[in-house]
């Protein structure tokens, strides 16, 4: 006679279910942090810098330097360097506590994305814009000694860069989320 094993219909002990959920939750968090690190690297930032930012984003509360270092298996000095960079970019803030300092970031990705856009515009784009302006000015000053084609192309590119700069500024100022 074939017996039906009814134990397969019984729920697993609570501790086993909780353990599996905790493991899956930890795996999701680890993947999220690692993927953020990969994304940061595509934008020319260090992967570990991105992981530190992601760890702060995904946590429910501000974190201490040692908690970040332990959670990411990074050297505390490296984490300190990454935190200083993120603070400099305006995307991480220091929270004074009774036991020292903790660190936090915005919960809205658009908030820190727009701050990074503003910072990169100021730090990286504006110096190039100044160089493009100088080149366009030189082309105008040289007049006939510069070929017409060269002068026209330099002016076209200069206008493009000026327009792009204005567009970046508008985008960063509007600050609204896309639809």
Foldseek 3Di string as FASTA:
>chain_A
DDDDDCVVVDDDPPVVVVVVVVVVVLVVLVVQLQVQLVVCVVVVDHSVLSSLQSVQQPDPDFADLVVSCVSVVHDSVVSVVSQVVCVVLVFKDWDQDPVGITIHGDNDPLVSVLSNLVVCCVPPLVVVLVVLVVVLVVLVVCPPVDDPVVNVVSVVVNVVSVVVSVVSVVCSVVSDDDD
